Amino acid sequence: MAIFPVLQAVGFDPTGKNNTPEAIDAVRIAFALAPTVPVVLAGLLLWNFPLGSKRQAELRAAIDARAGVESTSV
């Protein structure tokens, strides 16, 4: 896993015997930021995703037409 090299780089001791306050703080920061990075990346990817309400209605109508179902308006 990618977190282990980070922990080693900040001097974290997995036995818990020689951890400095800085190492503990680095672990807290690493575990706080690790899930944040993918969430921010996903948000950036979806920011300009071209599926607004108008496009969704068009797609729904096309799907309904293919299935032979009358489209319902929201």
Protein backbone atom coordinates (compact mmCIF):
# COMPACT_ATOMS: atom_id res chain seq x y z
CA MET A 1 0.00 0.00 0.00
CA ALA A 2 1.11 3.55 -0.69
CA ILE A 3 0.78 4.66 2.92
CA PHE A 4 3.61 2.50 4.26
CA PRO A 5 6.43 4.37 2.50
CA VAL A 6 4.93 7.63 3.77
CA LEU A 7 4.88 6.32 7.34
CA GLN A 8 8.45 5.14 7.04
CA ALA A 9 9.53 8.49 5.59
CA VAL A 10 8.09 10.41 8.56
CA GLY A 11 9.77 8.14 11.07
CA PHE A 12 6.72 6.26 12.32
CA ASP A 13 7.58 3.21 14.41
CA PRO A 14 4.86 0.52 14.08
CA THR A 15 5.80 -0.96 17.46
CA GLY A 16 4.76 2.33 19.08
CA LYS A 17 7.86 2.50 21.27
CA ASN A 18 9.78 5.32 19.58
CA ASN A 19 7.16 7.58 18.00
CA THR A 20 7.72 11.28 18.29
CA PRO A 21 4.83 13.75 18.40
CA GLU A 22 5.83 14.80 14.88
CA ALA A 23 5.51 11.21 13.64
CA ILE A 24 2.05 10.89 15.22
CA ASP A 25 0.99 14.19 13.64
CA ALA A 26 2.30 13.00 10.26
CA VAL A 27 0.19 9.84 10.57
CA ARG A 28 -2.89 11.91 11.36
CA ILE A 29 -2.26 14.17 8.38
CA ALA A 30 -1.55 11.23 6.06
CA PHE A 31 -4.75 9.44 7.03
CA ALA A 32 -6.76 12.65 6.71
CA LEU A 33 -5.38 13.53 3.28
CA ALA A 34 -5.33 10.03 1.79
CA PRO A 35 -9.11 9.87 1.20
CA THR A 36 -9.28 13.57 0.33
CA VAL A 37 -7.09 13.30 -2.77
CA PRO A 38 -9.33 10.86 -4.72
CA VAL A 39 -12.46 12.78 -3.71
CA VAL A 40 -11.00 16.06 -5.01
CA LEU A 41 -9.87 14.37 -8.23
CA ALA A 42 -13.34 12.90 -8.76
CA GLY A 43 -14.89 16.30 -8.13
CA LEU A 44 -12.62 17.91 -10.71
CA LEU A 45 -13.50 15.25 -13.27
CA LEU A 46 -17.23 15.68 -12.68
CA TRP A 47 -17.18 19.50 -12.53
CA ASN A 48 -17.88 19.93 -16.24
CA PHE A 49 -19.65 16.64 -16.86
CA PRO A 50 -22.07 17.38 -19.71
CA LEU A 51 -25.22 15.91 -18.20
CA GLY A 52 -27.58 18.65 -17.13
CA SER A 53 -31.32 18.34 -16.70
CA LYS A 54 -31.97 19.15 -20.40
CA ARG A 55 -29.55 16.47 -21.65
CA GLN A 56 -30.90 13.95 -19.14
CA ALA A 57 -34.45 14.57 -20.41
CA GLU A 58 -33.26 14.03 -23.99
CA LEU A 59 -31.58 10.75 -23.04
CA ARG A 60 -34.64 9.61 -21.07
CA ALA A 61 -36.88 10.33 -24.08
CA ALA A 62 -34.54 8.38 -26.38
CA ILE A 63 -34.49 5.41 -23.99
CA ASP A 64 -38.26 5.50 -23.63
CA ALA A 65 -38.73 5.74 -27.41
CA ARG A 66 -36.50 2.72 -27.90
CA ALA A 67 -38.45 0.79 -25.30
CA GLY A 68 -41.80 1.95 -26.68
CA VAL A 69 -42.77 3.73 -23.47
CA GLU A 70 -44.34 7.16 -23.27
CA SER A 71 -41.95 9.64 -21.64
CA THR A 72 -43.01 11.23 -18.37
CA SER A 73 -42.15 14.86 -17.71
CA VAL A 74 -40.87 15.95 -14.35
